[in-house]
Amino acid sequence: MAAVGRGKAETLALRRRLLSDSCRLFYPEDPIKIVRGQGQYLYDDEGAEYLDCINNVAHVGHCHPLVVRAAHGQNQMLNTNSRYLHDNIVDYAQRLSETLPEKLCVFYFLNSGSEANDLALRLARQYTGHWDVVVLDHAYHGHLSSLIDISPYKFRDLDGQKEWVHVAPLPDTYRGLYREDHPNPAGAYASEVQRVVNSVQEKGRKIAAFFVESLPSVAGQIIPPAGYFPEVAEHIHRAGGLFVADEIQVGFGRVGKHFWAFQLQGEDFVPDIVTMGKSIGNGHPVACVATTQAVARAFEATGVEYFNTFGGSPVSCAVGLAVLDVLEKEQLRAHAASVGSVLMELLRQQKAKHPIIGDVRGIGLFIGVDLIKDTATRTPATEEANYVVSRYYFSNRVASAVSPDWEGTAVLLLPLPLCPWALRATEGCLKELASGPERGRGPPSVYPHPDSTH
């Protein structure tokens, strides 16, 4: 594709002049000017093709024709707010309800994951009459002030921890308190949540909710041990709180085996609230909160209307329906399972050859590669991880990312689109994990995490 419009240098100069430096670029030493996307690929202004291993929003692939047609067709007919009767919003709610446990049967539509988590917080507080929140260490739940407050990943660099926020250990069986050799890591980590709850109650405070990503991503692609959620839910419910499952980054079939990542914790486990975003609209700003009749009725009892100007619009719901259609027609859940299985096996083969790979973890197309300096201490190989990302970009035209540098963690993230061709495009790139500095490297840089905004 030929270069169009202004040159990259001019665009970069305008951005630096007009946008805040806090709005960071990927690869700031040599930013990519992306002008087109298709499937699992991005294309820059000079026509270079990049495999997109960083974008967990273009869930069914960039510019999927069915999704594009759905948005365009509805835009030509009507786009207004949800105060008017329209079939799209009820059709969409019905389709979503078919993917969830029967108990989760009331839906609110919004524009972003941050809005969804903010509403979930309001719902929990209204239903319980309590205020405090328990979260996991290193968690990130969104960029609104209310969510920065419950996101240790963010608040530790800002105003610090509020007195109503309580942090439990991350259930990380590779680096955490209880590791892979523990006989019952799920019970041990759940007991840590109980310990936090007890401490809160001793202070005379009350728990409104436990917020958790069903698979913590910003923290380094963590897979909580099976049974952890049900035990935590028991502790939280006994304290009068609700369990909120944040599926914004990991829902809609990414894990392959199930439609929702919380379902990995067992068929009988049902959260009180589920929040959705990112992949729900394949790039269109759509989000959703699903909850129970009881929680919704308590919220309604305030007499205050919940209205979102753009949430649940005919266009947004048409897009959401189209994404569900693509997931079903192209069997992308099964694809995520099969491709993820092959990727994991390829990565494990590399791990067996190269001690720098300390851990390979994941399920479906939610995969992380933990790089270490030595096996005894598991010291994170942060510089080496940045090198791999840099080499992917400068040599192989692969856009990828490293997890945020909490405590020096170095986890390569692979949130691939669920496209049918992602495996073939990715397989050759995995060999770059074995590359050393002698093969050359691009300029060092700081790589922001793809999840730094909801």
Protein backbone atom coordinates (compact mmCIF):
# COMPACT_ATOMS: atom_id res chain seq x y z
CA MET A 1 0.00 0.00 0.00
CA ALA A 2 1.49 3.35 -1.02
CA ALA A 3 2.02 6.10 1.52
CA VAL A 4 -0.96 8.40 1.78
CA GLY A 5 -1.51 11.79 3.40
CA ARG A 6 1.19 13.47 5.41
CA GLY A 7 4.49 11.77 6.15
CA LYS A 8 5.24 10.00 9.42
CA ALA A 9 7.59 12.72 10.62
CA GLU A 10 4.94 15.39 10.18
CA THR A 11 2.31 13.27 11.94
CA LEU A 12 4.71 12.65 14.81
CA ALA A 13 5.51 16.35 15.12
CA LEU A 14 1.81 17.23 15.21
CA ARG A 15 1.13 14.58 17.81
CA ARG A 16 3.94 15.84 20.03
CA ARG A 17 2.58 19.36 19.75
CA LEU A 18 -1.11 18.62 20.20
CA LEU A 19 -1.30 15.55 22.47
CA SER A 20 -0.07 15.09 26.02
CA ASP A 21 3.11 13.10 26.55
CA SER A 22 1.12 10.93 28.95
CA CYS A 23 -0.64 9.51 25.86
CA ARG A 24 2.21 7.19 24.99
CA LEU A 25 3.16 5.54 21.74
CA PHE A 26 4.31 2.00 21.21
CA TYR A 27 7.94 1.87 20.08
CA PRO A 28 8.59 5.58 20.84
CA GLU A 29 12.13 5.45 19.44
CA ASP A 30 10.69 4.69 16.01
CA PRO A 31 6.87 4.77 16.12
CA ILE A 32 4.82 2.88 13.56
CA LYS A 33 2.33 4.90 11.53
CA ILE A 34 -0.46 2.40 11.03
CA VAL A 35 -2.88 3.19 8.21
CA ARG A 36 -4.70 -0.10 7.66
CA GLY A 37 -5.58 -3.37 9.34
CA GLN A 38 -6.85 -6.68 8.01
CA GLY A 39 -7.31 -9.89 9.94
CA GLN A 40 -4.29 -10.40 12.19
CA TYR A 41 -2.14 -7.88 10.30
CA LEU A 42 -1.44 -4.16 10.55
CA TYR A 43 0.04 -2.11 7.69
CA ASP A 44 2.10 1.04 7.97
CA ASP A 45 2.28 4.07 5.69
CA GLU A 46 4.96 2.42 3.56
CA GLY A 47 3.04 -0.80 3.10
CA ALA A 48 5.03 -2.89 5.59
CA GLU A 49 3.03 -5.71 7.15
CA TYR A 50 3.07 -6.42 10.91
CA LEU A 51 1.67 -9.42 12.71
CA ASP A 52 -0.45 -7.96 15.52
CA CYS A 53 0.39 -9.84 18.71
CA ILE A 54 -0.53 -6.93 20.97
CA ASN A 55 -4.13 -6.08 20.15
CA ASN A 56 -6.71 -7.82 22.31
CA VAL A 57 -9.50 -5.61 20.93
CA ALA A 58 -9.68 -6.71 17.28
CA HIS A 59 -11.01 -10.01 18.57
CA VAL A 60 -12.21 -11.50 15.28
CA GLY A 61 -9.56 -9.71 13.23
CA HIS A 62 -9.10 -6.15 12.05
CA CYS A 63 -11.86 -4.84 9.78
CA HIS A 64 -13.77 -8.09 9.64
CA PRO A 65 -16.17 -7.61 6.69
CA LEU A 66 -19.25 -8.87 8.53
CA VAL A 67 -18.64 -6.47 11.43
CA VAL A 68 -17.91 -3.57 9.08
CA ARG A 69 -21.06 -4.25 7.07
CA ALA A 70 -23.19 -4.47 10.22
CA ALA A 71 -21.97 -1.09 11.46
CA HIS A 72 -22.31 0.57 8.06
CA GLY A 73 -25.75 -0.84 7.35
CA GLN A 74 -27.19 0.24 10.70
CA ASN A 75 -25.53 3.66 10.44
CA GLN A 76 -27.36 4.21 7.18
CA MET A 77 -30.70 3.46 8.83
CA LEU A 78 -30.66 4.78 12.43
CA ASN A 79 -28.34 5.51 15.32
CA THR A 80 -29.95 6.96 18.41
CA ASN A 81 -30.10 6.34 22.15
CA SER A 82 -31.66 3.46 24.04
CA ARG A 83 -34.69 5.39 25.33
CA TYR A 84 -36.54 4.39 22.15
CA LEU A 85 -37.74 0.86 21.52
CA HIS A 86 -35.48 -0.97 19.10
CA ASP A 87 -34.96 -4.65 18.33
CA ASN A 88 -31.16 -4.56 18.29
CA ILE A 89 -30.70 -3.96 22.00
CA VAL A 90 -33.09 -6.71 23.09
CA ASP A 91 -31.73 -9.12 20.47
CA TYR A 92 -28.21 -8.45 21.70
CA ALA A 93 -29.13 -8.87 25.37
CA GLN A 94 -30.86 -12.15 24.50
CA ARG A 95 -27.82 -13.44 22.59
CA LEU A 96 -25.48 -12.54 25.44
CA SER A 97 -27.77 -14.19 27.98
CA GLU A 98 -27.45 -17.45 26.05
CA THR A 99 -23.70 -17.49 26.73
CA LEU A 100 -24.00 -16.87 30.49
CA PRO A 101 -25.35 -18.78 33.49
CA GLU A 102 -29.10 -18.32 33.86
CA LYS A 103 -28.68 -16.24 37.02
CA LEU A 104 -26.95 -13.44 35.07
CA CYS A 105 -29.97 -12.15 33.20
CA VAL A 106 -30.03 -8.33 33.44
CA PHE A 107 -27.85 -6.22 31.13
CA TYR A 108 -26.59 -2.65 31.04
CA PHE A 109 -24.86 -1.36 27.90
CA LEU A 110 -22.06 1.18 27.96
CA ASN A 111 -19.11 2.42 25.89
CA SER A 112 -15.96 1.14 27.61
CA GLY A 113 -14.65 -1.36 30.10
CA SER A 114 -13.93 1.46 32.52
CA GLU A 115 -17.58 2.52 32.42
CA ALA A 116 -18.60 -1.10 32.96
CA ASN A 117 -16.40 -1.57 36.02
CA ASP A 118 -17.48 1.79 37.44
CA LEU A 119 -21.13 0.75 37.12
CA ALA A 120 -20.33 -2.64 38.69
CA LEU A 121 -18.89 -0.81 41.69
CA ARG A 122 -22.05 1.30 41.99
CA LEU A 123 -24.26 -1.80 41.72
CA ALA A 124 -22.33 -3.63 44.41
CA ARG A 125 -22.41 -0.71 46.81
CA GLN A 126 -26.10 -0.12 46.30
CA TYR A 127 -27.02 -3.79 46.74
CA THR A 128 -24.88 -4.43 49.82
CA GLY A 129 -25.03 -1.04 51.49
CA HIS A 130 -21.30 -1.46 52.04
CA TRP A 131 -18.39 0.58 50.67
CA ASP A 132 -15.07 -1.29 50.80
CA VAL A 133 -13.50 -3.29 47.97
CA VAL A 134 -11.02 -6.17 47.92
CA VAL A 135 -8.75 -6.45 44.88
CA LEU A 136 -5.70 -8.46 43.86
CA ASP A 137 -2.21 -7.08 43.95
CA HIS A 138 -1.06 -5.58 40.62
CA ALA A 139 -4.67 -5.41 39.38
CA TYR A 140 -5.89 -2.93 36.79
CA HIS A 141 -9.60 -2.29 36.29
CA GLY A 142 -9.77 0.97 34.33
CA HIS A 143 -8.81 4.63 34.04
CA LEU A 144 -11.72 6.39 35.81
CA SER A 145 -10.92 7.86 39.22
CA SER A 146 -13.10 5.25 40.93
CA LEU A 147 -11.15 2.48 39.18
CA ILE A 148 -7.68 3.92 39.63
CA ASP A 149 -8.54 3.69 43.33
CA ILE A 150 -9.03 -0.09 43.04
CA SER A 151 -6.09 -0.69 40.70
CA PRO A 152 -2.80 -1.22 42.60
CA TYR A 153 -1.00 -1.17 39.24
CA LYS A 154 -1.95 2.51 38.97
CA PHE A 155 -2.63 3.92 42.44
CA ARG A 156 0.83 3.11 43.79
CA ASP A 157 2.27 5.67 41.37
CA LEU A 158 -0.42 8.25 42.13
CA ASP A 159 -2.29 8.97 45.39
CA GLY A 160 -1.64 5.66 47.06
CA GLN A 161 -4.06 3.18 48.58
CA LYS A 162 -7.37 4.46 49.92
CA GLU A 163 -8.54 3.24 53.33
CA TRP A 164 -11.53 1.49 51.73
CA VAL A 165 -9.38 -0.54 49.33
CA HIS A 166 -7.86 -3.80 50.52
CA VAL A 167 -5.28 -5.77 48.54
CA ALA A 168 -4.97 -9.56 48.54
CA PRO A 169 -1.98 -11.46 47.12
CA LEU A 170 -2.02 -12.32 43.43
CA PRO A 171 -2.72 -16.08 43.01
CA ASP A 172 0.49 -16.57 41.04
CA THR A 173 1.83 -20.11 41.29
CA TYR A 174 5.11 -19.21 39.58
CA ARG A 175 6.27 -16.13 41.52
CA GLY A 176 3.75 -15.79 44.33
CA LEU A 177 3.49 -16.84 47.97
CA TYR A 178 2.28 -20.34 47.07
CA ARG A 179 3.90 -21.91 44.05
CA GLU A 180 3.52 -24.93 41.82
CA ASP A 181 4.81 -27.31 44.51
CA HIS A 182 2.13 -26.30 47.03
CA PRO A 183 -0.42 -29.10 47.67
CA ASN A 184 -3.42 -26.73 47.57
CA PRO A 185 -2.56 -23.31 46.11
CA ALA A 186 -6.23 -22.43 45.50
CA GLY A 187 -7.11 -22.92 49.16
CA ALA A 188 -3.97 -21.16 50.35
CA TYR A 189 -4.57 -18.07 48.21
CA ALA A 190 -8.28 -18.03 49.10
CA SER A 191 -7.27 -18.09 52.77
CA GLU A 192 -5.26 -14.94 52.12
CA VAL A 193 -8.47 -13.26 50.93
CA GLN A 194 -10.21 -14.46 54.10
CA ARG A 195 -7.36 -12.96 56.12
CA VAL A 196 -7.90 -9.63 54.37
CA VAL A 197 -11.65 -9.80 54.99
CA ASN A 198 -11.09 -10.54 58.68
CA SER A 199 -8.76 -7.56 58.96
CA VAL A 200 -11.35 -5.31 57.33
CA GLN A 201 -14.08 -6.46 59.69
CA GLU A 202 -11.86 -6.00 62.73
CA LYS A 203 -11.65 -2.34 61.76
CA GLY A 204 -15.43 -2.09 61.69
CA ARG A 205 -15.57 -1.79 57.92
CA LYS A 206 -17.76 -3.75 55.48
CA ILE A 207 -17.01 -5.35 52.10
CA ALA A 208 -19.09 -4.34 49.08
CA ALA A 209 -17.24 -6.36 46.46
CA PHE A 210 -14.28 -8.44 45.42
CA PHE A 211 -13.07 -7.33 41.97
CA VAL A 212 -10.94 -9.68 39.92
CA GLU A 213 -9.96 -10.19 36.31
CA SER A 214 -10.94 -13.76 35.55
CA LEU A 215 -7.37 -14.15 34.26
CA PRO A 216 -5.15 -11.31 35.54
CA SER A 217 -3.43 -9.87 32.48
CA VAL A 218 -1.60 -6.70 33.48
CA ALA A 219 -0.08 -8.70 36.35
CA GLY A 220 1.61 -11.03 33.84
CA GLN A 221 -0.91 -13.42 32.23
CA ILE A 222 -1.75 -15.22 35.47
CA ILE A 223 -3.84 -18.40 35.55
CA PRO A 224 -5.49 -18.64 39.01
CA PRO A 225 -5.50 -22.20 40.35
CA ALA A 226 -8.75 -24.11 39.83
CA GLY A 227 -11.09 -23.76 42.78
CA TYR A 228 -9.76 -20.38 43.85
CA PHE A 229 -12.79 -18.33 42.77
CA PRO A 230 -15.45 -20.51 44.47
CA GLU A 231 -13.57 -20.41 47.77
CA VAL A 232 -13.03 -16.66 47.54
CA ALA A 233 -16.70 -16.15 46.69
CA GLU A 234 -17.68 -18.01 49.87
CA HIS A 235 -15.52 -15.70 51.98
CA ILE A 236 -16.80 -12.58 50.23
CA HIS A 237 -20.46 -13.62 50.41
CA ARG A 238 -20.19 -14.39 54.13
CA ALA A 239 -18.87 -10.86 54.57
CA GLY A 240 -21.92 -9.50 52.72
CA GLY A 241 -20.06 -8.62 49.52
CA LEU A 242 -20.46 -9.46 45.82
CA PHE A 243 -18.06 -11.21 43.45
CA VAL A 244 -17.30 -9.15 40.31
CA ALA A 245 -15.63 -10.97 37.39
CA ASP A 246 -13.86 -8.58 35.03
CA GLU A 247 -13.95 -10.30 31.62
CA ILE A 248 -12.95 -7.19 29.67
CA GLN A 249 -9.72 -8.66 28.34
CA VAL A 250 -10.35 -12.38 28.50
CA GLY A 251 -14.00 -13.01 27.60
CA PHE A 252 -15.76 -13.94 24.37
CA GLY A 253 -14.02 -17.24 23.75
CA ARG A 254 -10.40 -16.18 24.12
CA VAL A 255 -9.73 -19.11 26.46
CA GLY A 256 -11.13 -21.52 23.87
CA LYS A 257 -12.54 -24.13 26.22
CA HIS A 258 -15.24 -21.77 27.48
CA PHE A 259 -16.93 -18.58 26.31
CA TRP A 260 -16.05 -16.85 29.59
CA ALA A 261 -12.80 -17.22 31.51
CA PHE A 262 -14.55 -17.41 34.89
CA GLN A 263 -16.03 -20.73 33.69
CA LEU A 264 -12.55 -22.23 34.01
CA GLN A 265 -13.22 -22.24 37.76
CA GLY A 266 -15.99 -24.82 37.48
CA GLU A 267 -19.49 -25.23 36.06
CA ASP A 268 -21.13 -24.35 39.37
CA PHE A 269 -19.27 -21.09 39.89
CA VAL A 270 -21.32 -18.00 39.01
CA PRO A 271 -20.16 -14.42 39.73
CA ASP A 272 -22.68 -11.85 40.93
CA ILE A 273 -21.61 -9.35 38.28
CA VAL A 274 -19.70 -9.78 35.01
CA THR A 275 -18.18 -6.86 33.12
CA MET A 276 -17.31 -6.88 29.40
CA GLY A 277 -15.46 -4.59 27.03
CA LYS A 278 -12.62 -4.44 24.49
CA SER A 279 -13.24 -7.50 22.29
CA ILE A 280 -17.03 -7.22 22.64
CA GLY A 281 -17.13 -4.73 19.74
CA ASN A 282 -13.98 -5.67 17.78
CA GLY A 283 -12.81 -2.05 18.00
CA HIS A 284 -16.19 -0.34 18.21
CA PRO A 285 -16.74 1.29 21.65
CA VAL A 286 -19.10 -1.19 23.30
CA ALA A 287 -19.22 -2.51 26.85
CA CYS A 288 -21.68 -4.38 29.03
CA VAL A 289 -22.49 -5.30 32.62
CA ALA A 290 -24.45 -8.48 33.34
CA THR A 291 -25.90 -9.13 36.77
CA THR A 292 -28.73 -10.78 38.68
CA GLN A 293 -32.32 -9.68 39.10
CA ALA A 294 -31.72 -9.04 42.79
CA VAL A 295 -28.78 -6.71 42.20
CA ALA A 296 -30.61 -4.86 39.43
CA ARG A 297 -33.76 -4.42 41.55
CA ALA A 298 -31.73 -2.93 44.39
CA PHE A 299 -30.20 -0.44 41.96
CA GLU A 300 -33.64 0.44 40.60
CA ALA A 301 -34.91 1.05 44.13
CA THR A 302 -32.97 4.31 44.31
CA GLY A 303 -35.42 5.79 41.80
CA VAL A 304 -32.48 7.25 39.89
CA GLU A 305 -32.46 6.43 36.18
CA TYR A 306 -29.40 4.85 34.63
CA PHE A 307 -28.91 6.35 31.18
CA ASN A 308 -25.90 6.17 28.90
CA THR A 309 -26.09 8.43 25.82
CA PHE A 310 -24.34 6.05 23.43
CA GLY A 311 -24.51 2.76 25.32
CA GLY A 312 -26.83 0.27 23.66
CA SER A 313 -27.30 2.31 20.50
CA PRO A 314 -28.61 0.48 17.42
CA VAL A 315 -25.18 0.64 15.77
CA SER A 316 -23.30 -0.59 18.85
CA CYS A 317 -25.70 -3.49 19.27
CA ALA A 318 -25.52 -4.33 15.55
CA VAL A 319 -21.75 -4.52 15.89
CA GLY A 320 -22.00 -6.66 19.02
CA LEU A 321 -24.38 -9.04 17.29
CA ALA A 322 -22.05 -9.29 14.30
CA VAL A 323 -19.10 -10.20 16.55
CA LEU A 324 -21.16 -12.98 18.12
CA ASP A 325 -22.14 -14.18 14.63
CA VAL A 326 -18.51 -14.33 13.51
CA LEU A 327 -17.43 -16.16 16.67
CA GLU A 328 -20.10 -18.77 16.01
CA LYS A 329 -19.92 -19.10 12.21
CA GLU A 330 -16.13 -19.24 12.07
CA GLN A 331 -15.89 -21.46 15.16
CA LEU A 332 -13.33 -19.14 16.68
CA ARG A 333 -13.60 -20.57 20.18
CA ALA A 334 -12.48 -23.95 18.87
CA HIS A 335 -9.83 -22.17 16.85
CA ALA A 336 -8.52 -20.37 19.95
CA ALA A 337 -8.28 -23.71 21.74
CA SER A 338 -6.44 -25.49 18.93
CA VAL A 339 -4.10 -22.62 18.01
CA GLY A 340 -3.39 -21.92 21.67
CA SER A 341 -2.54 -25.57 22.25
CA VAL A 342 -0.04 -25.58 19.37
CA LEU A 343 1.49 -22.26 20.46
CA MET A 344 1.89 -23.52 24.01
CA GLU A 345 3.59 -26.68 22.78
CA LEU A 346 5.97 -24.70 20.55
CA LEU A 347 6.80 -22.41 23.45
CA ARG A 348 7.40 -25.36 25.78
CA GLN A 349 9.80 -26.78 23.23
CA GLN A 350 11.70 -23.50 23.32
CA LYS A 351 11.60 -23.56 27.12
CA ALA A 352 13.24 -26.99 27.15
CA LYS A 353 16.09 -25.61 25.03
CA HIS A 354 16.60 -22.20 26.62
CA PRO A 355 16.83 -21.60 30.39
CA ILE A 356 15.93 -17.93 29.89
CA ILE A 357 12.32 -19.11 29.53
CA GLY A 358 11.24 -19.71 33.09
CA ASP A 359 7.57 -20.32 32.58
CA VAL A 360 5.09 -20.74 29.75
CA ARG A 361 1.52 -20.31 30.89
CA GLY A 362 -1.82 -19.76 29.31
CA ILE A 363 -5.00 -21.19 27.95
CA GLY A 364 -6.48 -20.69 24.52
CA LEU A 365 -5.07 -17.46 23.10
CA PHE A 366 -4.26 -15.97 26.50
CA ILE A 367 -0.56 -16.79 26.73
CA GLY A 368 2.45 -15.41 28.60
CA VAL A 369 6.16 -16.26 28.46
CA ASP A 370 8.06 -15.44 31.66
CA LEU A 371 11.73 -14.71 31.00
CA ILE A 372 14.24 -15.12 33.84
CA LYS A 373 17.95 -14.60 34.46
CA ASP A 374 18.36 -17.82 36.45
CA THR A 375 16.18 -20.74 37.46
CA ALA A 376 17.03 -20.68 41.16
CA THR A 377 15.90 -17.14 41.98
CA ARG A 378 13.60 -16.59 38.97
CA THR A 379 15.00 -13.09 38.64
CA PRO A 380 13.06 -11.40 35.82
CA ALA A 381 15.01 -10.92 32.59
CA THR A 382 13.51 -7.50 31.90
CA GLU A 383 16.18 -6.25 29.52
CA GLU A 384 16.09 -9.46 27.55
CA ALA A 385 12.30 -9.33 27.30
CA ASN A 386 12.50 -5.81 25.91
CA TYR A 387 15.12 -7.06 23.47
CA VAL A 388 12.81 -9.77 22.18
CA VAL A 389 10.01 -7.27 21.67
CA SER A 390 12.43 -4.90 19.95
CA ARG A 391 13.76 -7.64 17.68
CA TYR A 392 10.26 -8.79 16.81
CA TYR A 393 9.45 -5.26 15.70
CA PHE A 394 12.62 -4.21 13.93
CA SER A 395 13.50 -7.53 12.28
CA ASN A 396 10.32 -9.55 11.90
CA ARG A 397 7.59 -6.92 11.72
CA VAL A 398 5.76 -8.27 14.77
CA ALA A 399 3.96 -5.95 17.16
CA SER A 400 4.13 -7.44 20.66
CA ALA A 401 4.39 -6.32 24.28
CA VAL A 402 5.97 -6.90 27.68
CA SER A 403 3.92 -6.89 30.87
CA PRO A 404 4.18 -3.77 33.04
CA ASP A 405 7.43 -3.69 34.97
CA TRP A 406 6.11 -4.40 38.47
CA GLU A 407 8.91 -5.74 40.60
CA GLY A 408 10.91 -6.20 37.38
CA THR A 409 8.61 -8.83 35.93
CA ALA A 410 9.39 -9.72 32.32
CA VAL A 411 6.46 -11.52 30.72
CA LEU A 412 5.98 -11.54 26.96
CA LEU A 413 2.28 -11.21 26.15
CA LEU A 414 0.61 -12.88 23.17
CA PRO A 415 -3.03 -11.68 23.02
CA LEU A 416 -3.49 -12.68 19.38
CA PRO A 417 -6.68 -12.02 17.42
CA LEU A 418 -8.79 -15.16 17.09
CA CYS A 419 -8.17 -15.25 13.32
CA PRO A 420 -7.90 -18.56 11.44
CA TRP A 421 -4.43 -17.67 10.10
CA ALA A 422 -2.78 -16.42 13.29
CA LEU A 423 -0.89 -19.67 13.99
CA ARG A 424 0.88 -19.85 10.63
CA ALA A 425 1.90 -16.20 10.94
CA THR A 426 3.13 -16.62 14.52
CA GLU A 427 4.92 -19.96 14.44
CA GLY A 428 8.07 -18.71 12.74
CA CYS A 429 8.37 -15.75 15.09
CA LEU A 430 8.55 -17.96 18.17
CA LYS A 431 12.07 -18.98 17.23
CA GLU A 432 13.15 -15.41 17.97
CA LEU A 433 12.86 -16.24 21.66
CA ALA A 434 16.15 -18.08 21.16
CA SER A 435 17.85 -15.05 19.59
CA GLY A 436 20.78 -13.45 21.36
CA PRO A 437 22.20 -9.92 21.15
CA GLU A 438 24.75 -11.17 18.64
CA ARG A 439 21.96 -11.28 16.06
CA GLY A 440 21.36 -7.59 16.40
CA ARG A 441 18.74 -5.52 18.13
CA GLY A 442 16.69 -2.46 17.53
CA PRO A 443 17.01 0.61 19.73
CA PRO A 444 16.05 0.05 23.39
CA SER A 445 12.80 1.55 24.50
CA VAL A 446 9.92 1.37 26.95
CA TYR A 447 6.96 -0.61 25.75
CA PRO A 448 3.62 0.30 27.30
CA HIS A 449 1.22 -2.51 28.07
CA PRO A 450 -1.73 -2.92 25.67
CA ASP A 451 -4.16 -2.80 28.59
CA SER A 452 -3.17 0.61 29.95
CA THR A 453 -6.65 1.94 29.24
CA HIS A 454 -10.12 0.41 29.39
